[in-house]
Amino acid sequence: MRKFRWVPIVMLWLAVGNLSAQTGQRNFETRDATPLDAQRERRALQSLLTIVQQQLISAVDAMPADKFGFAPTDGEFKGVRTFGQMVKHLSATNYILAAAALGEEPPTDAGDEVGPESVRTKAEILDYLNGSFAQLAKAVKAIGQTNVAVNPSPISPLKKGDVTRSALVAEALIHACDHYGQLVEYLRMNGVVPPASRP
């Protein structure tokens, strides 16, 4: 679990480092700016992607199928997503950001970050989540390819001139880590110890 706590910080560092490397000369007028090492960038982001994917898949799989409709009610939880809706949201966001990183249009069934209505069961939601990570892996593999466009995403704070493939992948991973923390709370509220916290 300790390793996982550092993942968002490392991802942010990678994204900022990548932006700095790509815009270093323009913004800081430095002649010694290091060019982007696409192979190292791909390896680093693929490692982080694998860690985040394993953590999330195991957490989602740990929730009993009959609890995917669970949403907290005690406290200030009015209108929050259910467990299943949160996983679909996370997955849809992965698909949308991966599409932008690959220069593609977002999938129409991703909706407004809610995912397809037809995806309902635990098995379907897990398949959708796995598919979203496969798309992010494609985006990671495309880092450094100049023949593959990068589009800005309407759900990203990064604008057209600032968006990079690495930054979009890092944004997806940061978002996934945020929801992982929420999913852990939902698991524990249902008496399930998250797999990453088990001895």
C-alpha atoms as a PDB file:
ATOM      1  CA  MET A   1       0.000   0.000   0.000  1.00  0.00           C
ATOM      2  CA  ARG A   2       2.900   2.370   0.703  1.00  0.00           C
ATOM      3  CA  LYS A   3       4.100   2.143  -2.900  1.00  0.00           C
ATOM      4  CA  PHE A   4       0.651   3.089  -4.136  1.00  0.00           C
ATOM      5  CA  ARG A   5       0.524   6.301  -2.065  1.00  0.00           C
ATOM      6  CA  TRP A   6       3.422   7.694  -4.071  1.00  0.00           C
ATOM      7  CA  VAL A   7       1.909   6.906  -7.459  1.00  0.00           C
ATOM      8  CA  PRO A   8      -0.044  10.204  -7.803  1.00  0.00           C
ATOM      9  CA  ILE A   9       3.010  12.226  -6.799  1.00  0.00           C
ATOM     10  CA  VAL A  10       5.266  10.396  -9.252  1.00  0.00           C
ATOM     11  CA  MET A  11       2.674  10.779 -12.034  1.00  0.00           C
ATOM     12  CA  LEU A  12       2.378  14.499 -11.420  1.00  0.00           C
ATOM     13  CA  TRP A  13       6.170  14.777 -11.406  1.00  0.00           C
ATOM     14  CA  LEU A  14       6.344  12.902 -14.732  1.00  0.00           C
ATOM     15  CA  ALA A  15       3.673  15.077 -16.316  1.00  0.00           C
ATOM     16  CA  VAL A  16       5.284  18.301 -15.134  1.00  0.00           C
ATOM     17  CA  GLY A  17       8.729  17.049 -16.130  1.00  0.00           C
ATOM     18  CA  ASN A  18       7.447  16.126 -19.581  1.00  0.00           C
ATOM     19  CA  LEU A  19       5.779  19.495 -20.037  1.00  0.00           C
ATOM     20  CA  SER A  20       8.946  21.227 -18.897  1.00  0.00           C
ATOM     21  CA  ALA A  21      11.097  19.160 -21.247  1.00  0.00           C
ATOM     22  CA  GLN A  22       8.832  19.862 -24.202  1.00  0.00           C
ATOM     23  CA  THR A  23       8.355  23.555 -23.525  1.00  0.00           C
ATOM     24  CA  GLY A  24      11.605  24.259 -21.681  1.00  0.00           C
ATOM     25  CA  GLN A  25      13.275  26.286 -24.399  1.00  0.00           C
ATOM     26  CA  ARG A  26      10.156  28.210 -25.286  1.00  0.00           C
ATOM     27  CA  ASN A  27       9.137  29.135 -21.719  1.00  0.00           C
ATOM     28  CA  PHE A  28      12.494  29.338 -19.997  1.00  0.00           C
ATOM     29  CA  GLU A  29      14.741  30.141 -22.975  1.00  0.00           C
ATOM     30  CA  THR A  30      17.212  27.480 -21.894  1.00  0.00           C
ATOM     31  CA  ARG A  31      19.616  26.139 -24.487  1.00  0.00           C
ATOM     32  CA  ASP A  32      20.413  23.096 -22.338  1.00  0.00           C
ATOM     33  CA  ALA A  33      16.860  21.675 -22.165  1.00  0.00           C
ATOM     34  CA  THR A  34      16.924  17.890 -22.342  1.00  0.00           C
ATOM     35  CA  PRO A  35      14.845  16.474 -25.191  1.00  0.00           C
ATOM     36  CA  LEU A  36      12.099  14.047 -24.297  1.00  0.00           C
ATOM     37  CA  ASP A  37      13.375  10.475 -24.052  1.00  0.00           C
ATOM     38  CA  ALA A  38      10.255   8.748 -25.390  1.00  0.00           C
ATOM     39  CA  GLN A  39      11.442   5.253 -24.535  1.00  0.00           C
ATOM     40  CA  ARG A  40      12.100   6.123 -20.872  1.00  0.00           C
ATOM     41  CA  GLU A  41       8.809   8.026 -20.712  1.00  0.00           C
ATOM     42  CA  ARG A  42       6.903   5.030 -22.092  1.00  0.00           C
ATOM     43  CA  ARG A  43       8.568   2.595 -19.669  1.00  0.00           C
ATOM     44  CA  ALA A  44       7.907   4.804 -16.657  1.00  0.00           C
ATOM     45  CA  LEU A  45       4.280   5.479 -17.516  1.00  0.00           C
ATOM     46  CA  GLN A  46       3.642   1.822 -18.414  1.00  0.00           C
ATOM     47  CA  SER A  47       5.010   0.791 -14.996  1.00  0.00           C
ATOM     48  CA  LEU A  48       2.709   3.260 -13.237  1.00  0.00           C
ATOM     49  CA  LEU A  49      -0.218   2.232 -15.427  1.00  0.00           C
ATOM     50  CA  THR A  50       0.334  -1.414 -14.494  1.00  0.00           C
ATOM     51  CA  ILE A  51       0.435  -0.618 -10.766  1.00  0.00           C
ATOM     52  CA  VAL A  52      -2.723   1.509 -10.895  1.00  0.00           C
ATOM     53  CA  GLN A  53      -4.546  -1.046 -13.045  1.00  0.00           C
ATOM     54  CA  GLN A  54      -3.684  -3.923 -10.705  1.00  0.00           C
ATOM     55  CA  GLN A  55      -4.773  -1.953  -7.639  1.00  0.00           C
ATOM     56  CA  LEU A  56      -8.064  -0.901  -9.191  1.00  0.00           C
ATOM     57  CA  ILE A  57      -8.985  -4.215 -10.799  1.00  0.00           C
ATOM     58  CA  SER A  58      -8.329  -6.108  -7.571  1.00  0.00           C
ATOM     59  CA  ALA A  59     -10.351  -3.570  -5.539  1.00  0.00           C
ATOM     60  CA  VAL A  60     -13.298  -3.657  -7.947  1.00  0.00           C
ATOM     61  CA  ASP A  61     -13.192  -7.439  -8.148  1.00  0.00           C
ATOM     62  CA  ALA A  62     -13.203  -7.658  -4.330  1.00  0.00           C
ATOM     63  CA  MET A  63     -16.628  -5.992  -4.059  1.00  0.00           C
ATOM     64  CA  PRO A  64     -19.453  -8.545  -4.075  1.00  0.00           C
ATOM     65  CA  ALA A  65     -21.644  -8.276  -7.183  1.00  0.00           C
ATOM     66  CA  ASP A  66     -24.733  -7.462  -5.097  1.00  0.00           C
ATOM     67  CA  LYS A  67     -22.943  -4.395  -3.649  1.00  0.00           C
ATOM     68  CA  PHE A  68     -22.239  -2.622  -6.961  1.00  0.00           C
ATOM     69  CA  GLY A  69     -25.393  -0.580  -6.338  1.00  0.00           C
ATOM     70  CA  PHE A  70     -24.096   0.571  -2.936  1.00  0.00           C
ATOM     71  CA  ALA A  71     -23.737   4.273  -2.192  1.00  0.00           C
ATOM     72  CA  PRO A  72     -23.203   5.666   1.317  1.00  0.00           C
ATOM     73  CA  THR A  73     -26.183   7.314   2.963  1.00  0.00           C
ATOM     74  CA  ASP A  74     -24.924   8.272   6.445  1.00  0.00           C
ATOM     75  CA  GLY A  75     -23.459  11.775   6.379  1.00  0.00           C
ATOM     76  CA  GLU A  76     -23.119  14.156   3.440  1.00  0.00           C
ATOM     77  CA  PHE A  77     -23.493  11.663   0.593  1.00  0.00           C
ATOM     78  CA  LYS A  78     -26.640  12.852  -1.149  1.00  0.00           C
ATOM     79  CA  GLY A  79     -26.380  12.261  -4.890  1.00  0.00           C
ATOM     80  CA  VAL A  80     -23.030  10.425  -4.876  1.00  0.00           C
ATOM     81  CA  ARG A  81     -22.358   7.673  -7.377  1.00  0.00           C
ATOM     82  CA  THR A  82     -22.849   4.037  -6.520  1.00  0.00           C
ATOM     83  CA  PHE A  83     -19.807   1.762  -6.506  1.00  0.00           C
ATOM     84  CA  GLY A  84     -20.625   0.512  -9.999  1.00  0.00           C
ATOM     85  CA  GLN A  85     -21.323   4.017 -11.328  1.00  0.00           C
ATOM     86  CA  MET A  86     -18.005   5.238  -9.968  1.00  0.00           C
ATOM     87  CA  VAL A  87     -16.105   2.450 -11.731  1.00  0.00           C
ATOM     88  CA  LYS A  88     -17.971   3.208 -14.976  1.00  0.00           C
ATOM     89  CA  HIS A  89     -17.157   6.920 -14.586  1.00  0.00           C
ATOM     90  CA  LEU A  90     -13.486   6.174 -14.007  1.00  0.00           C
ATOM     91  CA  SER A  91     -13.460   3.859 -17.039  1.00  0.00           C
ATOM     92  CA  ALA A  92     -15.268   6.342 -19.288  1.00  0.00           C
ATOM     93  CA  THR A  93     -12.773   9.030 -18.307  1.00  0.00           C
ATOM     94  CA  ASN A  94      -9.899   6.666 -19.163  1.00  0.00           C
ATOM     95  CA  TYR A  95     -11.442   6.049 -22.586  1.00  0.00           C
ATOM     96  CA  ILE A  96     -11.988   9.777 -23.218  1.00  0.00           C
ATOM     97  CA  LEU A  97      -8.457  10.818 -22.196  1.00  0.00           C
ATOM     98  CA  ALA A  98      -6.864   7.885 -24.062  1.00  0.00           C
ATOM     99  CA  ALA A  99      -8.778   8.853 -27.209  1.00  0.00           C
ATOM    100  CA  ALA A 100      -7.434  12.415 -26.963  1.00  0.00           C
ATOM    101  CA  ALA A 101      -3.914  11.081 -26.432  1.00  0.00           C
ATOM    102  CA  LEU A 102      -4.304   8.964 -29.574  1.00  0.00           C
ATOM    103  CA  GLY A 103      -5.737  11.823 -31.643  1.00  0.00           C
ATOM    104  CA  GLU A 104      -9.126  10.114 -31.825  1.00  0.00           C
ATOM    105  CA  GLU A 105     -12.661  11.173 -31.053  1.00  0.00           C
ATOM    106  CA  PRO A 106     -13.914   9.943 -27.660  1.00  0.00           C
ATOM    107  CA  PRO A 107     -16.153   6.887 -27.802  1.00  0.00           C
ATOM    108  CA  THR A 108     -19.784   7.941 -28.070  1.00  0.00           C
ATOM    109  CA  ASP A 109     -20.829   5.408 -25.446  1.00  0.00           C
ATOM    110  CA  ALA A 110     -18.548   7.027 -22.844  1.00  0.00           C
ATOM    111  CA  GLY A 111     -21.270   9.644 -22.502  1.00  0.00           C
ATOM    112  CA  ASP A 112     -20.649  12.536 -20.193  1.00  0.00           C
ATOM    113  CA  GLU A 113     -18.068  10.466 -18.277  1.00  0.00           C
ATOM    114  CA  VAL A 114     -20.778   8.026 -17.147  1.00  0.00           C
ATOM    115  CA  GLY A 115     -20.147   5.103 -19.479  1.00  0.00           C
ATOM    116  CA  PRO A 116     -22.599   3.024 -21.491  1.00  0.00           C
ATOM    117  CA  GLU A 117     -26.038   2.378 -20.054  1.00  0.00           C
ATOM    118  CA  SER A 118     -25.769  -1.226 -21.289  1.00  0.00           C
ATOM    119  CA  VAL A 119     -22.840  -1.937 -18.923  1.00  0.00           C
ATOM    120  CA  ARG A 120     -24.540  -3.012 -15.692  1.00  0.00           C
ATOM    121  CA  THR A 121     -23.268  -6.240 -14.145  1.00  0.00           C
ATOM    122  CA  LYS A 122     -20.051  -6.715 -12.202  1.00  0.00           C
ATOM    123  CA  ALA A 123     -18.548  -8.736 -15.074  1.00  0.00           C
ATOM    124  CA  GLU A 124     -19.532  -6.087 -17.643  1.00  0.00           C
ATOM    125  CA  ILE A 125     -18.156  -3.266 -15.491  1.00  0.00           C
ATOM    126  CA  LEU A 126     -14.866  -5.126 -14.961  1.00  0.00           C
ATOM    127  CA  ASP A 127     -14.590  -5.720 -18.719  1.00  0.00           C
ATOM    128  CA  TYR A 128     -15.250  -2.026 -19.363  1.00  0.00           C
ATOM    129  CA  LEU A 129     -12.596  -1.049 -16.807  1.00  0.00           C
ATOM    130  CA  ASN A 130     -10.038  -3.463 -18.298  1.00  0.00           C
ATOM    131  CA  GLY A 131     -10.785  -2.122 -21.784  1.00  0.00           C
ATOM    132  CA  SER A 132     -10.196   1.430 -20.599  1.00  0.00           C
ATOM    133  CA  PHE A 133      -6.761   0.500 -19.276  1.00  0.00           C
ATOM    134  CA  ALA A 134      -5.972  -1.224 -22.586  1.00  0.00           C
ATOM    135  CA  GLN A 135      -6.724   2.087 -24.346  1.00  0.00           C
ATOM    136  CA  LEU A 136      -4.442   3.953 -21.943  1.00  0.00           C
ATOM    137  CA  ALA A 137      -1.707   1.384 -22.686  1.00  0.00           C
ATOM    138  CA  LYS A 138      -2.103   2.179 -26.412  1.00  0.00           C
ATOM    139  CA  ALA A 139      -1.700   5.864 -25.591  1.00  0.00           C
ATOM    140  CA  VAL A 140       1.473   5.104 -23.632  1.00  0.00           C
ATOM    141  CA  LYS A 141       2.874   3.130 -26.601  1.00  0.00           C
ATOM    142  CA  ALA A 142       2.221   6.134 -28.846  1.00  0.00           C
ATOM    143  CA  ILE A 143       4.422   8.468 -26.757  1.00  0.00           C
ATOM    144  CA  GLY A 144       7.135   9.874 -29.005  1.00  0.00           C
ATOM    145  CA  GLN A 145       5.318   9.057 -32.247  1.00  0.00           C
ATOM    146  CA  THR A 146       5.151  12.231 -34.280  1.00  0.00           C
ATOM    147  CA  ASN A 147       2.765  10.721 -36.840  1.00  0.00           C
ATOM    148  CA  VAL A 148       0.047  10.298 -34.180  1.00  0.00           C
ATOM    149  CA  ALA A 149      -1.811  13.499 -33.334  1.00  0.00           C
ATOM    150  CA  VAL A 150      -2.747  14.576 -29.819  1.00  0.00           C
ATOM    151  CA  ASN A 151      -6.115  16.244 -29.288  1.00  0.00           C
ATOM    152  CA  PRO A 152      -7.140  18.416 -26.373  1.00  0.00           C
ATOM    153  CA  SER A 153      -9.888  16.812 -24.319  1.00  0.00           C
ATOM    154  CA  PRO A 154     -12.972  18.714 -23.184  1.00  0.00           C
ATOM    155  CA  ILE A 155     -12.662  17.077 -19.748  1.00  0.00           C
ATOM    156  CA  SER A 156      -9.001  18.017 -19.284  1.00  0.00           C
ATOM    157  CA  PRO A 157      -7.749  21.282 -17.811  1.00  0.00           C
ATOM    158  CA  LEU A 158      -4.930  21.137 -20.385  1.00  0.00           C
ATOM    159  CA  LYS A 159      -5.565  23.349 -23.383  1.00  0.00           C
ATOM    160  CA  LYS A 160      -4.547  22.772 -26.989  1.00  0.00           C
ATOM    161  CA  GLY A 161      -1.096  24.341 -26.735  1.00  0.00           C
ATOM    162  CA  ASP A 162      -0.231  22.576 -23.465  1.00  0.00           C
ATOM    163  CA  VAL A 163      -1.604  19.082 -23.978  1.00  0.00           C
ATOM    164  CA  THR A 164       0.800  16.165 -24.443  1.00  0.00           C
ATOM    165  CA  ARG A 165       0.253  12.425 -24.668  1.00  0.00           C
ATOM    166  CA  SER A 166       2.192  11.856 -21.425  1.00  0.00           C
ATOM    167  CA  ALA A 167       0.221  14.533 -19.596  1.00  0.00           C
ATOM    168  CA  LEU A 168      -3.130  13.043 -20.665  1.00  0.00           C
ATOM    169  CA  VAL A 169      -2.062   9.581 -19.475  1.00  0.00           C
ATOM    170  CA  ALA A 170      -0.802  11.048 -16.197  1.00  0.00           C
ATOM    171  CA  GLU A 171      -4.100  12.903 -15.793  1.00  0.00           C
ATOM    172  CA  ALA A 172      -6.024   9.639 -16.266  1.00  0.00           C
ATOM    173  CA  LEU A 173      -3.847   7.905 -13.667  1.00  0.00           C
ATOM    174  CA  ILE A 174      -4.214  10.732 -11.146  1.00  0.00           C
ATOM    175  CA  HIS A 175      -7.984  10.610 -11.659  1.00  0.00           C
ATOM    176  CA  ALA A 176      -7.958   6.812 -11.224  1.00  0.00           C
ATOM    177  CA  CYS A 177      -6.000   7.121  -7.962  1.00  0.00           C
ATOM    178  CA  ASP A 178      -8.502   9.648  -6.670  1.00  0.00           C
ATOM    179  CA  HIS A 179     -11.345   7.232  -7.303  1.00  0.00           C
ATOM    180  CA  TYR A 180      -9.360   4.310  -5.920  1.00  0.00           C
ATOM    181  CA  GLY A 181      -9.415   6.083  -2.554  1.00  0.00           C
ATOM    182  CA  GLN A 182     -13.187   6.476  -2.783  1.00  0.00           C
ATOM    183  CA  LEU A 183     -13.653   2.849  -3.835  1.00  0.00           C
ATOM    184  CA  VAL A 184     -11.606   1.732  -0.821  1.00  0.00           C
ATOM    185  CA  GLU A 185     -14.020   3.604   1.450  1.00  0.00           C
ATOM    186  CA  TYR A 186     -16.993   1.913  -0.208  1.00  0.00           C
ATOM    187  CA  LEU A 187     -15.317  -1.485   0.192  1.00  0.00           C
ATOM    188  CA  ARG A 188     -14.616  -0.925   3.885  1.00  0.00           C
ATOM    189  CA  MET A 189     -18.177   0.312   4.488  1.00  0.00           C
ATOM    190  CA  ASN A 190     -19.253  -3.111   3.241  1.00  0.00           C
ATOM    191  CA  GLY A 191     -16.832  -5.066   5.400  1.00  0.00           C
ATOM    192  CA  VAL A 192     -14.369  -5.758   2.569  1.00  0.00           C
ATOM    193  CA  VAL A 193     -10.667  -5.207   3.179  1.00  0.00           C
ATOM    194  CA  PRO A 194      -9.071  -3.905  -0.026  1.00  0.00           C
ATOM    195  CA  PRO A 195      -6.667  -6.472  -1.486  1.00  0.00           C
ATOM    196  CA  ALA A 196      -3.766  -3.974  -1.354  1.00  0.00           C
ATOM    197  CA  SER A 197      -4.250  -3.686   2.432  1.00  0.00           C
ATOM    198  CA  ARG A 198      -4.361  -7.408   3.120  1.00  0.00           C
ATOM    199  CA  PRO A 199      -1.358  -9.106   4.739  1.00  0.00           C
END
